[in-house]
Amino acid sequence: MEKPNTNYIDELAENDADFKTKIIDILKSELPQEIEIYNNFISSNDLINASLCVHKLKHKISILGLEKSYYIAEDFEKNLRKHNADLHSDFNNILTVMMNFVNQL
């Protein structure tokens, strides 16, 4: 599986350490909340709202440089809208990788 990175964040920050810290703090704050909301929708079998969560999480996947994972999330989002959760396990693996990485920043 591909590994997250801060390359995009570094580009955005342009050597502004305070700005980079703010972006990372936002990730640390928002990511666990968004994952929890997503998991609640999945648990209640509300796949349409779960797809909206996946859509939002795709942005964080992209920010962390996970290009292949982004495409998995994109497919998963489309599948959820069709009431198909087949990629759930793959998506959960992506979320775990992201959380582990963000927690180490």
PDB file of N, CA and C in Angstrom:
ATOM      1  N   MET A   1       0.857  -1.185   0.000  1.00  0.00           N
ATOM      2  CA  MET A   1       0.000   0.000   0.000  1.00  0.00           C
ATOM      3  C   MET A   1       0.898   1.242   0.000  1.00  0.00           C
ATOM      4  N   GLU A   2       0.436   2.259  -0.707  1.00  0.00           N
ATOM      5  CA  GLU A   2       1.206   3.495  -0.768  1.00  0.00           C
ATOM      6  C   GLU A   2       1.248   4.182   0.595  1.00  0.00           C
ATOM      7  N   LYS A   3       2.239   5.029   0.760  1.00  0.00           N
ATOM      8  CA  LYS A   3       2.436   5.684   2.053  1.00  0.00           C
ATOM      9  C   LYS A   3       2.083   7.163   1.949  1.00  0.00           C
ATOM     10  N   PRO A   4       1.387   7.677   2.976  1.00  0.00           N
ATOM     11  CA  PRO A   4       1.054   9.099   2.991  1.00  0.00           C
ATOM     12  C   PRO A   4       2.326   9.939   3.099  1.00  0.00           C
ATOM     13  N   ASN A   5       2.195  11.187   2.697  1.00  0.00           N
ATOM     14  CA  ASN A   5       3.312  12.125   2.812  1.00  0.00           C
ATOM     15  C   ASN A   5       2.773  13.534   2.973  1.00  0.00           C
ATOM     16  N   THR A   6       3.673  14.447   3.251  1.00  0.00           N
ATOM     17  CA  THR A   6       3.281  15.856   3.415  1.00  0.00           C
ATOM     18  C   THR A   6       3.750  16.713   2.246  1.00  0.00           C
ATOM     19  N   ASN A   7       4.055  16.105   1.121  1.00  0.00           N
ATOM     20  CA  ASN A   7       4.571  16.870  -0.017  1.00  0.00           C
ATOM     21  C   ASN A   7       3.637  18.000  -0.440  1.00  0.00           C
ATOM     22  N   TYR A   8       2.349  17.696  -0.548  1.00  0.00           N
ATOM     23  CA  TYR A   8       1.387  18.721  -0.965  1.00  0.00           C
ATOM     24  C   TYR A   8       1.283  19.819   0.088  1.00  0.00           C
ATOM     25  N   ILE A   9       1.269  19.435   1.336  1.00  0.00           N
ATOM     26  CA  ILE A   9       1.220  20.414   2.430  1.00  0.00           C
ATOM     27  C   ILE A   9       2.464  21.291   2.392  1.00  0.00           C
ATOM     28  N   ASP A  10       3.612  20.673   2.148  1.00  0.00           N
ATOM     29  CA  ASP A  10       4.858  21.432   2.062  1.00  0.00           C
ATOM     30  C   ASP A  10       4.807  22.444   0.921  1.00  0.00           C
ATOM     31  N   GLU A  11       4.237  22.020  -0.213  1.00  0.00           N
ATOM     32  CA  GLU A  11       4.112  22.936  -1.351  1.00  0.00           C
ATOM     33  C   GLU A  11       3.197  24.106  -1.017  1.00  0.00           C
ATOM     34  N   LEU A  12       2.086  23.804  -0.379  1.00  0.00           N
ATOM     35  CA  LEU A  12       1.151  24.861   0.004  1.00  0.00           C
ATOM     36  C   LEU A  12       1.777  25.841   0.986  1.00  0.00           C
ATOM     37  N   ALA A  13       2.516  25.306   1.927  1.00  0.00           N
ATOM     38  CA  ALA A  13       3.090  26.124   2.994  1.00  0.00           C
ATOM     39  C   ALA A  13       4.235  27.010   2.508  1.00  0.00           C
ATOM     40  N   GLU A  14       4.911  26.622   1.458  1.00  0.00           N
ATOM     41  CA  GLU A  14       6.041  27.397   0.919  1.00  0.00           C
ATOM     42  C   GLU A  14       6.986  27.869   2.031  1.00  0.00           C
ATOM     43  N   ASN A  15       7.450  26.918   2.833  1.00  0.00           N
ATOM     44  CA  ASN A  15       8.401  27.178   3.926  1.00  0.00           C
ATOM     45  C   ASN A  15       7.823  27.999   5.077  1.00  0.00           C
ATOM     46  N   ASP A  16       6.517  28.128   5.136  1.00  0.00           N
ATOM     47  CA  ASP A  16       5.862  28.816   6.248  1.00  0.00           C
ATOM     48  C   ASP A  16       5.483  27.763   7.291  1.00  0.00           C
ATOM     49  N   ALA A  17       6.319  27.627   8.293  1.00  0.00           N
ATOM     50  CA  ALA A  17       6.135  26.577   9.303  1.00  0.00           C
ATOM     51  C   ALA A  17       4.817  26.722  10.055  1.00  0.00           C
ATOM     52  N   ASP A  18       4.408  27.965  10.326  1.00  0.00           N
ATOM     53  CA  ASP A  18       3.149  28.183  11.035  1.00  0.00           C
ATOM     54  C   ASP A  18       1.951  27.711  10.208  1.00  0.00           C
ATOM     55  N   PHE A  19       1.990  28.002   8.916  1.00  0.00           N
ATOM     56  CA  PHE A  19       0.904  27.583   8.033  1.00  0.00           C
ATOM     57  C   PHE A  19       0.845  26.058   7.951  1.00  0.00           C
ATOM     58  N   LYS A  20       2.006  25.432   7.814  1.00  0.00           N
ATOM     59  CA  LYS A  20       2.062  23.971   7.763  1.00  0.00           C
ATOM     60  C   LYS A  20       1.497  23.368   9.045  1.00  0.00           C
ATOM     61  N   THR A  21       1.856  23.935  10.169  1.00  0.00           N
ATOM     62  CA  THR A  21       1.350  23.458  11.455  1.00  0.00           C
ATOM     63  C   THR A  21      -0.163  23.584  11.527  1.00  0.00           C
ATOM     64  N   LYS A  22      -0.708  24.691  11.017  1.00  0.00           N
ATOM     65  CA  LYS A  22      -2.163  24.876  11.022  1.00  0.00           C
ATOM     66  C   LYS A  22      -2.867  23.815  10.180  1.00  0.00           C
ATOM     67  N   ILE A  23      -2.319  23.522   9.024  1.00  0.00           N
ATOM     68  CA  ILE A  23      -2.927  22.506   8.161  1.00  0.00           C
ATOM     69  C   ILE A  23      -2.891  21.140   8.850  1.00  0.00           C
ATOM     70  N   ILE A  24      -1.768  20.820   9.433  1.00  0.00           N
ATOM     71  CA  ILE A  24      -1.634  19.535  10.128  1.00  0.00           C
ATOM     72  C   ILE A  24      -2.580  19.467  11.320  1.00  0.00           C
ATOM     73  N   ASP A  25      -2.707  20.572  12.049  1.00  0.00           N
ATOM     74  CA  ASP A  25      -3.637  20.601  13.181  1.00  0.00           C
ATOM     75  C   ASP A  25      -5.082  20.393  12.731  1.00  0.00           C
ATOM     76  N   ILE A  26      -5.428  20.961  11.581  1.00  0.00           N
ATOM     77  CA  ILE A  26      -6.774  20.766  11.038  1.00  0.00           C
ATOM     78  C   ILE A  26      -6.977  19.290  10.692  1.00  0.00           C
ATOM     79  N   LEU A  27      -5.983  18.686  10.049  1.00  0.00           N
ATOM     80  CA  LEU A  27      -6.073  17.253   9.729  1.00  0.00           C
ATOM     81  C   LEU A  27      -6.255  16.423  10.996  1.00  0.00           C
ATOM     82  N   LYS A  28      -5.469  16.723  12.010  1.00  0.00           N
ATOM     83  CA  LYS A  28      -5.530  15.962  13.260  1.00  0.00           C
ATOM     84  C   LYS A  28      -6.884  16.117  13.937  1.00  0.00           C
ATOM     85  N   SER A  29      -7.484  17.265  13.772  1.00  0.00           N
ATOM     86  CA  SER A  29      -8.776  17.530  14.392  1.00  0.00           C
ATOM     87  C   SER A  29      -9.932  16.949  13.583  1.00  0.00           C
ATOM     88  N   GLU A  30      -9.930  17.197  12.287  1.00  0.00           N
ATOM     89  CA  GLU A  30     -11.072  16.828  11.445  1.00  0.00           C
ATOM     90  C   GLU A  30     -11.101  15.357  11.056  1.00  0.00           C
ATOM     91  N   LEU A  31      -9.954  14.774  10.779  1.00  0.00           N
ATOM     92  CA  LEU A  31      -9.934  13.408  10.261  1.00  0.00           C
ATOM     93  C   LEU A  31     -10.636  12.409  11.183  1.00  0.00           C
ATOM     94  N   PRO A  32     -10.322  12.370  12.475  1.00  0.00           N
ATOM     95  CA  PRO A  32     -11.009  11.388  13.333  1.00  0.00           C
ATOM     96  C   PRO A  32     -12.515  11.638  13.410  1.00  0.00           C
ATOM     97  N   GLN A  33     -12.915  12.898  13.402  1.00  0.00           N
ATOM     98  CA  GLN A  33     -14.345  13.219  13.448  1.00  0.00           C
ATOM     99  C   GLN A  33     -15.053  12.748  12.187  1.00  0.00           C
ATOM    100  N   GLU A  34     -14.441  13.003  11.039  1.00  0.00           N
ATOM    101  CA  GLU A  34     -15.049  12.603   9.772  1.00  0.00           C
ATOM    102  C   GLU A  34     -15.115  11.084   9.647  1.00  0.00           C
ATOM    103  N   ILE A  35     -14.099  10.403  10.144  1.00  0.00           N
ATOM    104  CA  ILE A  35     -14.105   8.936  10.113  1.00  0.00           C
ATOM    105  C   ILE A  35     -15.212   8.398  11.023  1.00  0.00           C
ATOM    106  N   GLU A  36     -15.375   9.006  12.172  1.00  0.00           N
ATOM    107  CA  GLU A  36     -16.425   8.563  13.097  1.00  0.00           C
ATOM    108  C   GLU A  36     -17.816   8.743  12.477  1.00  0.00           C
ATOM    109  N   ILE A  37     -18.032   9.880  11.835  1.00  0.00           N
ATOM    110  CA  ILE A  37     -19.323  10.128  11.185  1.00  0.00           C
ATOM    111  C   ILE A  37     -19.546   9.103  10.071  1.00  0.00           C
ATOM    112  N   TYR A  38     -18.510   8.878   9.273  1.00  0.00           N
ATOM    113  CA  TYR A  38     -18.592   7.873   8.206  1.00  0.00           C
ATOM    114  C   TYR A  38     -18.953   6.513   8.789  1.00  0.00           C
ATOM    115  N   ASN A  39     -18.252   6.091   9.843  1.00  0.00           N
ATOM    116  CA  ASN A  39     -18.510   4.787  10.458  1.00  0.00           C
ATOM    117  C   ASN A  39     -19.931   4.678  11.004  1.00  0.00           C
ATOM    118  N   ASN A  40     -20.448   5.773  11.541  1.00  0.00           N
ATOM    119  CA  ASN A  40     -21.828   5.766  12.037  1.00  0.00           C
ATOM    120  C   ASN A  40     -22.822   5.526  10.908  1.00  0.00           C
ATOM    121  N   PHE A  41     -22.592   6.176   9.765  1.00  0.00           N
ATOM    122  CA  PHE A  41     -23.485   5.966   8.620  1.00  0.00           C
ATOM    123  C   PHE A  41     -23.369   4.541   8.082  1.00  0.00           C
ATOM    124  N   ILE A  42     -22.154   4.019   8.033  1.00  0.00           N
ATOM    125  CA  ILE A  42     -21.959   2.641   7.579  1.00  0.00           C
ATOM    126  C   ILE A  42     -22.661   1.673   8.535  1.00  0.00           C
ATOM    127  N   SER A  43     -22.494   1.902   9.833  1.00  0.00           N
ATOM    128  CA  SER A  43     -23.111   1.019  10.837  1.00  0.00           C
ATOM    129  C   SER A  43     -24.634   1.010  10.738  1.00  0.00           C
ATOM    130  N   SER A  44     -25.188   2.156  10.388  1.00  0.00           N
ATOM    131  CA  SER A  44     -26.647   2.245  10.279  1.00  0.00           C
ATOM    132  C   SER A  44     -27.135   1.937   8.861  1.00  0.00           C
ATOM    133  N   ASN A  45     -26.209   1.499   8.014  1.00  0.00           N
ATOM    134  CA  ASN A  45     -26.510   1.135   6.625  1.00  0.00           C
ATOM    135  C   ASN A  45     -27.076   2.306   5.818  1.00  0.00           C
ATOM    136  N   ASP A  46     -26.685   3.520   6.190  1.00  0.00           N
ATOM    137  CA  ASP A  46     -27.080   4.725   5.452  1.00  0.00           C
ATOM    138  C   ASP A  46     -25.985   5.015   4.427  1.00  0.00           C
ATOM    139  N   LEU A  47     -26.019   4.276   3.338  1.00  0.00           N
ATOM    140  CA  LEU A  47     -24.923   4.317   2.372  1.00  0.00           C
ATOM    141  C   LEU A  47     -24.879   5.624   1.576  1.00  0.00           C
ATOM    142  N   ILE A  48     -26.003   6.279   1.421  1.00  0.00           N
ATOM    143  CA  ILE A  48     -26.001   7.562   0.710  1.00  0.00           C
ATOM    144  C   ILE A  48     -25.228   8.608   1.519  1.00  0.00           C
ATOM    145  N   ASN A  49     -25.529   8.720   2.792  1.00  0.00           N
ATOM    146  CA  ASN A  49     -24.786   9.676   3.624  1.00  0.00           C
ATOM    147  C   ASN A  49     -23.337   9.237   3.814  1.00  0.00           C
ATOM    148  N   ALA A  50     -23.101   7.935   3.842  1.00  0.00           N
ATOM    149  CA  ALA A  50     -21.724   7.439   3.913  1.00  0.00           C
ATOM    150  C   ALA A  50     -20.955   7.880   2.678  1.00  0.00           C
ATOM    151  N   SER A  51     -21.610   7.883   1.520  1.00  0.00           N
ATOM    152  CA  SER A  51     -20.943   8.320   0.287  1.00  0.00           C
ATOM    153  C   SER A  51     -20.560   9.793   0.364  1.00  0.00           C
ATOM    154  N   LEU A  52     -21.388  10.589   1.021  1.00  0.00           N
ATOM    155  CA  LEU A  52     -21.063  12.009   1.199  1.00  0.00           C
ATOM    156  C   LEU A  52     -19.829  12.173   2.090  1.00  0.00           C
ATOM    157  N   CYS A  53     -19.708  11.313   3.087  1.00  0.00           N
ATOM    158  CA  CYS A  53     -18.525  11.326   3.953  1.00  0.00           C
ATOM    159  C   CYS A  53     -17.277  10.923   3.172  1.00  0.00           C
ATOM    160  N   VAL A  54     -17.414   9.907   2.344  1.00  0.00           N
ATOM    161  CA  VAL A  54     -16.285   9.462   1.525  1.00  0.00           C
ATOM    162  C   VAL A  54     -15.856  10.596   0.610  1.00  0.00           C
ATOM    163  N   HIS A  55     -16.826  11.305   0.047  1.00  0.00           N
ATOM    164  CA  HIS A  55     -16.506  12.444  -0.823  1.00  0.00           C
ATOM    165  C   HIS A  55     -15.650  13.464  -0.073  1.00  0.00           C
ATOM    166  N   LYS A  56     -16.036  13.760   1.140  1.00  0.00           N
ATOM    167  CA  LYS A  56     -15.291  14.730   1.952  1.00  0.00           C
ATOM    168  C   LYS A  56     -13.904  14.192   2.327  1.00  0.00           C
ATOM    169  N   LEU A  57     -13.836  12.919   2.646  1.00  0.00           N
ATOM    170  CA  LEU A  57     -12.561  12.306   3.030  1.00  0.00           C
ATOM    171  C   LEU A  57     -11.589  12.211   1.854  1.00  0.00           C
ATOM    172  N   LYS A  58     -12.114  12.170   0.638  1.00  0.00           N
ATOM    173  CA  LYS A  58     -11.241  12.110  -0.546  1.00  0.00           C
ATOM    174  C   LYS A  58     -10.286  13.295  -0.590  1.00  0.00           C
ATOM    175  N   HIS A  59     -10.738  14.441  -0.115  1.00  0.00           N
ATOM    176  CA  HIS A  59      -9.872  15.620  -0.120  1.00  0.00           C
ATOM    177  C   HIS A  59      -8.661  15.419   0.792  1.00  0.00           C
ATOM    178  N   LYS A  60      -8.882  14.803   1.909  1.00  0.00           N
ATOM    179  CA  LYS A  60      -7.772  14.543   2.832  1.00  0.00           C
ATOM    180  C   LYS A  60      -6.855  13.452   2.285  1.00  0.00           C
ATOM    181  N   ILE A  61      -7.437  12.497   1.589  1.00  0.00           N
ATOM    182  CA  ILE A  61      -6.632  11.463   0.927  1.00  0.00           C
ATOM    183  C   ILE A  61      -5.690  12.125  -0.066  1.00  0.00           C
ATOM    184  N   SER A  62      -6.225  13.048  -0.816  1.00  0.00           N
ATOM    185  CA  SER A  62      -5.437  13.776  -1.812  1.00  0.00           C
ATOM    186  C   SER A  62      -4.361  14.632  -1.152  1.00  0.00           C
ATOM    187  N   ILE A  63      -4.708  15.322  -0.097  1.00  0.00           N
ATOM    188  CA  ILE A  63      -3.753  16.183   0.618  1.00  0.00           C
ATOM    189  C   ILE A  63      -2.574  15.368   1.126  1.00  0.00           C
ATOM    190  N   LEU A  64      -2.830  14.115   1.489  1.00  0.00           N
ATOM    191  CA  LEU A  64      -1.768  13.258   2.016  1.00  0.00           C
ATOM    192  C   LEU A  64      -1.048  12.474   0.923  1.00  0.00           C
ATOM    193  N   GLY A  65      -1.289  12.842  -0.325  1.00  0.00           N
ATOM    194  CA  GLY A  65      -0.529  12.278  -1.438  1.00  0.00           C
ATOM    195  C   GLY A  65      -0.838  10.841  -1.784  1.00  0.00           C
ATOM    196  N   LEU A  66      -2.015  10.379  -1.436  1.00  0.00           N
ATOM    197  CA  LEU A  66      -2.387   8.985  -1.677  1.00  0.00           C
ATOM    198  C   LEU A  66      -3.180   8.883  -2.989  1.00  0.00           C
ATOM    199  N   GLU A  67      -2.454   8.911  -4.092  1.00  0.00           N
ATOM    200  CA  GLU A  67      -3.094   8.963  -5.408  1.00  0.00           C
ATOM    201  C   GLU A  67      -3.915   7.713  -5.722  1.00  0.00           C
ATOM    202  N   LYS A  68      -3.351   6.544  -5.523  1.00  0.00           N
ATOM    203  CA  LYS A  68      -4.084   5.298  -5.807  1.00  0.00           C
ATOM    204  C   LYS A  68      -5.280   5.161  -4.870  1.00  0.00           C
ATOM    205  N   SER A  69      -5.086   5.534  -3.627  1.00  0.00           N
ATOM    206  CA  SER A  69      -6.159   5.466  -2.645  1.00  0.00           C
ATOM    207  C   SER A  69      -7.295   6.410  -3.001  1.00  0.00           C
ATOM    208  N   TYR A  70      -6.958   7.536  -3.605  1.00  0.00           N
ATOM    209  CA  TYR A  70      -7.982   8.483  -4.039  1.00  0.00           C
ATOM    210  C   TYR A  70      -8.923   7.825  -5.039  1.00  0.00           C
ATOM    211  N   TYR A  71      -8.360   7.068  -5.971  1.00  0.00           N
ATOM    212  CA  TYR A  71      -9.188   6.411  -6.981  1.00  0.00           C
ATOM    213  C   TYR A  71     -10.046   5.300  -6.380  1.00  0.00           C
ATOM    214  N   ILE A  72      -9.515   4.615  -5.382  1.00  0.00           N
ATOM    215  CA  ILE A  72     -10.315   3.617  -4.668  1.00  0.00           C
ATOM    216  C   ILE A  72     -11.484   4.312  -3.975  1.00  0.00           C
ATOM    217  N   ALA A  73     -11.198   5.433  -3.318  1.00  0.00           N
ATOM    218  CA  ALA A  73     -12.245   6.186  -2.631  1.00  0.00           C
ATOM    219  C   ALA A  73     -13.289   6.699  -3.617  1.00  0.00           C
ATOM    220  N   GLU A  74     -12.838   7.127  -4.767  1.00  0.00           N
ATOM    221  CA  GLU A  74     -13.760   7.611  -5.802  1.00  0.00           C
ATOM    222  C   GLU A  74     -14.703   6.489  -6.250  1.00  0.00           C
ATOM    223  N   ASP A  75     -14.145   5.315  -6.488  1.00  0.00           N
ATOM    224  CA  ASP A  75     -14.972   4.163  -6.863  1.00  0.00           C
ATOM    225  C   ASP A  75     -15.919   3.771  -5.732  1.00  0.00           C
ATOM    226  N   PHE A  76     -15.419   3.804  -4.516  1.00  0.00           N
ATOM    227  CA  PHE A  76     -16.225   3.446  -3.358  1.00  0.00           C
ATOM    228  C   PHE A  76     -17.389   4.419  -3.200  1.00  0.00           C
ATOM    229  N   GLU A  77     -17.112   5.695  -3.368  1.00  0.00           N
ATOM    230  CA  GLU A  77     -18.169   6.710  -3.269  1.00  0.00           C
ATOM    231  C   GLU A  77     -19.280   6.419  -4.292  1.00  0.00           C
ATOM    232  N   LYS A  78     -18.890   6.137  -5.526  1.00  0.00           N
ATOM    233  CA  LYS A  78     -19.872   5.822  -6.572  1.00  0.00           C
ATOM    234  C   LYS A  78     -20.655   4.556  -6.226  1.00  0.00           C
ATOM    235  N   ASN A  79     -19.946   3.556  -5.737  1.00  0.00           N
ATOM    236  CA  ASN A  79     -20.600   2.299  -5.358  1.00  0.00           C
ATOM    237  C   ASN A  79     -21.610   2.502  -4.229  1.00  0.00           C
ATOM    238  N   LEU A  80     -21.231   3.296  -3.235  1.00  0.00           N
ATOM    239  CA  LEU A  80     -22.139   3.532  -2.113  1.00  0.00           C
ATOM    240  C   LEU A  80     -23.433   4.167  -2.583  1.00  0.00           C
ATOM    241  N   ARG A  81     -23.328   5.060  -3.555  1.00  0.00           N
ATOM    242  CA  ARG A  81     -24.540   5.698  -4.094  1.00  0.00           C
ATOM    243  C   ARG A  81     -25.459   4.679  -4.762  1.00  0.00           C
ATOM    244  N   LYS A  82     -24.868   3.539  -5.163  1.00  0.00           N
ATOM    245  CA  LYS A  82     -25.650   2.455  -5.780  1.00  0.00           C
ATOM    246  C   LYS A  82     -25.964   1.366  -4.744  1.00  0.00           C
ATOM    247  N   HIS A  83     -25.777   1.706  -3.476  1.00  0.00           N
ATOM    248  CA  HIS A  83     -26.035   0.788  -2.350  1.00  0.00           C
ATOM    249  C   HIS A  83     -25.147  -0.449  -2.402  1.00  0.00           C
ATOM    250  N   ASN A  84     -23.897  -0.234  -2.787  1.00  0.00           N
ATOM    251  CA  ASN A  84     -22.909  -1.309  -2.871  1.00  0.00           C
ATOM    252  C   ASN A  84     -21.710  -0.904  -2.014  1.00  0.00           C
ATOM    253  N   ALA A  85     -21.436  -1.677  -0.974  1.00  0.00           N
ATOM    254  CA  ALA A  85     -20.347  -1.350  -0.046  1.00  0.00           C
ATOM    255  C   ALA A  85     -19.163  -2.301  -0.186  1.00  0.00           C
ATOM    256  N   ASP A  86     -18.987  -2.871  -1.373  1.00  0.00           N
ATOM    257  CA  ASP A  86     -17.941  -3.872  -1.566  1.00  0.00           C
ATOM    258  C   ASP A  86     -16.524  -3.377  -1.256  1.00  0.00           C
ATOM    259  N   LEU A  87     -16.245  -2.119  -1.452  1.00  0.00           N
ATOM    260  CA  LEU A  87     -14.888  -1.599  -1.220  1.00  0.00           C
ATOM    261  C   LEU A  87     -14.685  -1.098   0.218  1.00  0.00           C
ATOM    262  N   HIS A  88     -15.617  -1.416   1.083  1.00  0.00           N
ATOM    263  CA  HIS A  88     -15.551  -0.940   2.469  1.00  0.00           C
ATOM    264  C   HIS A  88     -14.236  -1.320   3.155  1.00  0.00           C
ATOM    265  N   SER A  89     -13.823  -2.549   3.012  1.00  0.00           N
ATOM    266  CA  SER A  89     -12.593  -3.018   3.652  1.00  0.00           C
ATOM    267  C   SER A  89     -11.370  -2.267   3.129  1.00  0.00           C
ATOM    268  N   ASP A  90     -11.300  -2.088   1.821  1.00  0.00           N
ATOM    269  CA  ASP A  90     -10.188  -1.342   1.229  1.00  0.00           C
ATOM    270  C   ASP A  90     -10.172   0.099   1.733  1.00  0.00           C
ATOM    271  N   PHE A  91     -11.354   0.691   1.799  1.00  0.00           N
ATOM    272  CA  PHE A  91     -11.441   2.082   2.254  1.00  0.00           C
ATOM    273  C   PHE A  91     -11.043   2.191   3.721  1.00  0.00           C
ATOM    274  N   ASN A  92     -11.465   1.241   4.522  1.00  0.00           N
ATOM    275  CA  ASN A  92     -11.075   1.252   5.941  1.00  0.00           C
ATOM    276  C   ASN A  92      -9.565   1.139   6.099  1.00  0.00           C
ATOM    277  N   ASN A  93      -8.922   0.355   5.260  1.00  0.00           N
ATOM    278  CA  ASN A  93      -7.457   0.261   5.303  1.00  0.00           C
ATOM    279  C   ASN A  93      -6.819   1.611   5.008  1.00  0.00           C
ATOM    280  N   ILE A  94      -7.373   2.322   4.046  1.00  0.00           N
ATOM    281  CA  ILE A  94      -6.866   3.663   3.708  1.00  0.00           C
ATOM    282  C   ILE A  94      -7.016   4.587   4.911  1.00  0.00           C
ATOM    283  N   LEU A  95      -8.188   4.545   5.545  1.00  0.00           N
ATOM    284  CA  LEU A  95      -8.427   5.405   6.711  1.00  0.00           C
ATOM    285  C   LEU A  95      -7.458   5.087   7.849  1.00  0.00           C
ATOM    286  N   THR A  96      -7.178   3.814   8.049  1.00  0.00           N
ATOM    287  CA  THR A  96      -6.240   3.409   9.103  1.00  0.00           C
ATOM    288  C   THR A  96      -4.840   3.937   8.810  1.00  0.00           C
ATOM    289  N   VAL A  97      -4.410   3.803   7.579  1.00  0.00           N
ATOM    290  CA  VAL A  97      -3.089   4.306   7.179  1.00  0.00           C
ATOM    291  C   VAL A  97      -3.020   5.818   7.397  1.00  0.00           C
ATOM    292  N   MET A  98      -4.076   6.506   7.001  1.00  0.00           N
ATOM    293  CA  MET A  98      -4.101   7.961   7.161  1.00  0.00           C
ATOM    294  C   MET A  98      -4.039   8.366   8.635  1.00  0.00           C
ATOM    295  N   MET A  99      -4.855   7.712   9.456  1.00  0.00           N
ATOM    296  CA  MET A  99      -4.874   8.058  10.893  1.00  0.00           C
ATOM    297  C   MET A  99      -3.529   7.780  11.543  1.00  0.00           C
ATOM    298  N   ASN A 100      -2.919   6.653  11.216  1.00  0.00           N
ATOM    299  CA  ASN A 100      -1.605   6.337  11.777  1.00  0.00           C
ATOM    300  C   ASN A 100      -0.586   7.405  11.388  1.00  0.00           C
ATOM    301  N   PHE A 101      -0.629   7.831  10.149  1.00  0.00           N
ATOM    302  CA  PHE A 101       0.318   8.842   9.668  1.00  0.00           C
ATOM    303  C   PHE A 101       0.065  10.184  10.351  1.00  0.00           C
ATOM    304  N   VAL A 102      -1.177  10.609  10.370  1.00  0.00           N
ATOM    305  CA  VAL A 102      -1.522  11.915  10.962  1.00  0.00           C
ATOM    306  C   VAL A 102      -1.178  11.942  12.446  1.00  0.00           C
ATOM    307  N   ASN A 103      -1.397  10.828  13.137  1.00  0.00           N
ATOM    308  CA  ASN A 103      -1.079  10.778  14.566  1.00  0.00           C
ATOM    309  C   ASN A 103       0.414  10.886  14.833  1.00  0.00           C
ATOM    310  N   GLN A 104       1.234  10.585  13.827  1.00  0.00           N
ATOM    311  CA  GLN A 104       2.686  10.669  13.997  1.00  0.00           C
ATOM    312  C   GLN A 104       3.248  12.046  13.623  1.00  0.00           C
ATOM    313  N   LEU A 105       2.415  12.881  13.034  1.00  0.00           N
ATOM    314  CA  LEU A 105       2.899  14.215  12.627  1.00  0.00           C
ATOM    315  C   LEU A 105       3.080  15.120  13.840  1.00  0.00           C
TER     316      LEU A 105
END
